[in-house]
């Protein structure tokens, strides 16, 4: 084998500061765009991104040269900083995050869960994070 091959699927979840409803309208679209751009810079593939007003989910496959903590720090940091600079008003993530490894066989299940966050929350059908992986 000439190159290393890894499949490092991780499902990240983090919330807005104090669970404030900050992910709405154009801001939500801009934050997601910034997150995708930072993932691309890290050579990480975004499989799914979604959430509701006060938290978001991100499923990515990323290189083994990056740690889980680095992904969270870079993605949260860049999206928070640029959003505040561009929009001139308060936007911040909570300091903590959750990260769950996902089996190579399961990304589709997790992707569907993430992409349907708004419906899950509206219908009260959200799952414990451990139940989806």
Protein backbone atom coordinates (compact mmCIF):
# COMPACT_ATOMS: atom_id res chain seq x y z
CA UNK A 1 0.00 0.00 0.00
CA UNK A 2 1.50 3.33 -1.07
CA UNK A 3 -0.79 5.59 0.95
CA UNK A 4 -2.45 5.34 4.32
CA UNK A 5 -6.16 4.71 4.18
CA UNK A 6 -8.49 5.70 7.00
CA UNK A 7 -12.22 6.06 7.49
CA UNK A 8 -12.62 8.24 10.56
CA UNK A 9 -16.30 9.10 10.75
CA UNK A 10 -17.19 11.28 13.71
CA UNK A 11 -20.54 12.76 14.68
CA UNK A 12 -20.05 16.09 16.47
CA UNK A 13 -22.71 17.96 18.42
CA UNK A 14 -22.38 21.37 20.03
CA UNK A 15 -24.67 24.12 21.22
CA UNK A 16 -24.87 27.87 20.94
CA UNK A 17 -23.90 29.96 23.94
CA UNK A 18 -26.41 29.40 26.77
CA UNK A 19 -28.54 27.54 24.22
CA UNK A 20 -29.65 30.86 22.77
CA UNK A 21 -31.61 30.53 19.50
CA UNK A 22 -28.79 31.97 17.37
CA UNK A 23 -28.93 29.61 14.37
CA UNK A 24 -31.77 31.14 12.41
CA UNK A 25 -32.33 32.42 8.89
CA UNK A 26 -29.35 33.62 6.91
CA UNK A 27 -27.05 33.26 9.91
CA UNK A 28 -27.66 29.51 10.01
CA UNK A 29 -26.83 29.18 6.30
CA UNK A 30 -23.70 31.33 6.75
CA UNK A 31 -22.48 29.33 9.76
CA UNK A 32 -22.96 26.06 7.88
CA UNK A 33 -21.11 27.50 4.86
CA UNK A 34 -18.21 28.56 7.08
CA UNK A 35 -18.07 25.15 8.76
CA UNK A 36 -17.96 23.42 5.38
CA UNK A 37 -15.16 25.76 4.25
CA UNK A 38 -13.08 25.04 7.37
CA UNK A 39 -13.60 21.30 6.94
CA UNK A 40 -12.40 21.59 3.35
CA UNK A 41 -9.26 23.40 4.56
CA UNK A 42 -8.64 20.46 6.94
CA UNK A 43 -9.25 18.00 4.08
CA UNK A 44 -12.28 16.66 5.92
CA UNK A 45 -15.36 15.51 4.01
CA UNK A 46 -18.66 16.84 5.35
CA UNK A 47 -21.19 14.04 5.15
CA UNK A 48 -24.01 15.86 6.93
CA UNK A 49 -24.66 19.11 8.74
CA UNK A 50 -27.89 20.12 10.45
CA UNK A 51 -29.55 21.24 13.61
CA UNK A 52 -32.01 23.67 15.08
CA UNK A 53 -31.84 27.16 16.57
CA UNK A 54 -29.72 26.26 19.61
CA UNK A 55 -27.43 23.41 18.52
CA UNK A 56 -25.98 21.67 15.51
CA UNK A 57 -24.76 18.26 14.37
CA UNK A 58 -21.86 17.58 12.02
CA UNK A 59 -20.82 14.23 10.53
CA UNK A 60 -17.42 14.20 8.87
CA UNK A 61 -14.71 11.86 7.64
CA UNK A 62 -11.31 13.39 8.31
CA UNK A 63 -7.61 12.55 7.97
CA UNK A 64 -5.77 10.72 10.74
CA UNK A 65 -3.39 13.67 11.07
CA UNK A 66 -6.10 15.70 12.84
CA UNK A 67 -7.44 15.01 16.33
CA UNK A 68 -11.06 15.19 17.40
CA UNK A 69 -10.19 18.17 19.61
CA UNK A 70 -8.51 19.96 16.67
CA UNK A 71 -11.59 19.49 14.50
CA UNK A 72 -13.89 20.92 17.17
CA UNK A 73 -11.56 23.82 17.96
CA UNK A 74 -10.99 24.82 14.36
CA UNK A 75 -14.56 24.42 13.15
CA UNK A 76 -16.19 26.10 16.14
CA UNK A 77 -13.55 28.82 16.38
CA UNK A 78 -13.52 29.87 12.75
CA UNK A 79 -17.31 29.82 12.34
CA UNK A 80 -17.89 31.82 15.53
CA UNK A 81 -15.21 34.41 14.83
CA UNK A 82 -16.09 35.04 11.19
CA UNK A 83 -19.83 35.13 11.89
CA UNK A 84 -19.36 37.82 14.55
CA UNK A 85 -17.06 39.83 12.28
CA UNK A 86 -19.35 39.59 9.25
CA UNK A 87 -22.64 40.21 10.99
CA UNK A 88 -21.48 42.53 13.74
CA UNK A 89 -23.63 41.00 16.44
CA UNK A 90 -23.25 38.36 19.11
CA UNK A 91 -22.60 34.78 18.06
CA UNK A 92 -20.75 32.20 20.10
CA UNK A 93 -20.66 28.45 20.67
CA UNK A 94 -20.59 26.84 24.10
CA UNK A 95 -17.13 25.62 25.03
CA UNK A 96 -18.05 21.96 25.26
CA UNK A 97 -18.90 19.53 22.49
CA UNK A 98 -19.80 15.88 22.04
CA UNK A 99 -18.09 13.59 19.54
CA UNK A 100 -19.12 10.04 18.67
CA UNK A 101 -17.28 7.67 16.40
CA UNK A 102 -19.39 6.12 13.68
CA UNK A 103 -18.81 2.71 12.14
CA UNK A 104 -17.93 2.62 8.45
CA UNK A 105 -21.29 0.89 7.90
CA UNK A 106 -23.39 3.53 9.67
CA UNK A 107 -22.81 6.98 8.11
CA UNK A 108 -26.10 6.85 6.18
CA UNK A 109 -28.15 6.30 9.34
CA UNK A 110 -26.42 9.15 11.15
CA UNK A 111 -26.61 11.42 8.07
CA UNK A 112 -30.38 10.90 7.87
CA UNK A 113 -30.75 11.68 11.57
CA UNK A 114 -28.72 14.89 11.22
CA UNK A 115 -30.43 16.09 8.06
CA UNK A 116 -33.84 15.67 9.70
CA UNK A 117 -33.10 17.49 12.96
CA UNK A 118 -35.82 20.08 12.53
CA UNK A 119 -38.47 17.38 12.01
CA UNK A 120 -37.16 15.30 14.92
CA UNK A 121 -37.38 18.24 17.29
CA UNK A 122 -40.76 19.39 16.02
CA UNK A 123 -42.21 15.87 16.41
CA UNK A 124 -40.39 15.07 19.65
CA UNK A 125 -38.65 12.08 18.08
CA UNK A 126 -35.06 12.94 18.95
CA UNK A 127 -32.96 10.05 20.12
CA UNK A 128 -30.38 9.72 22.81
CA UNK A 129 -27.07 10.24 20.97
CA UNK A 130 -26.00 6.70 21.86
CA UNK A 131 -29.09 5.21 20.21
CA UNK A 132 -28.25 6.46 16.74
CA UNK A 133 -24.83 4.93 16.41
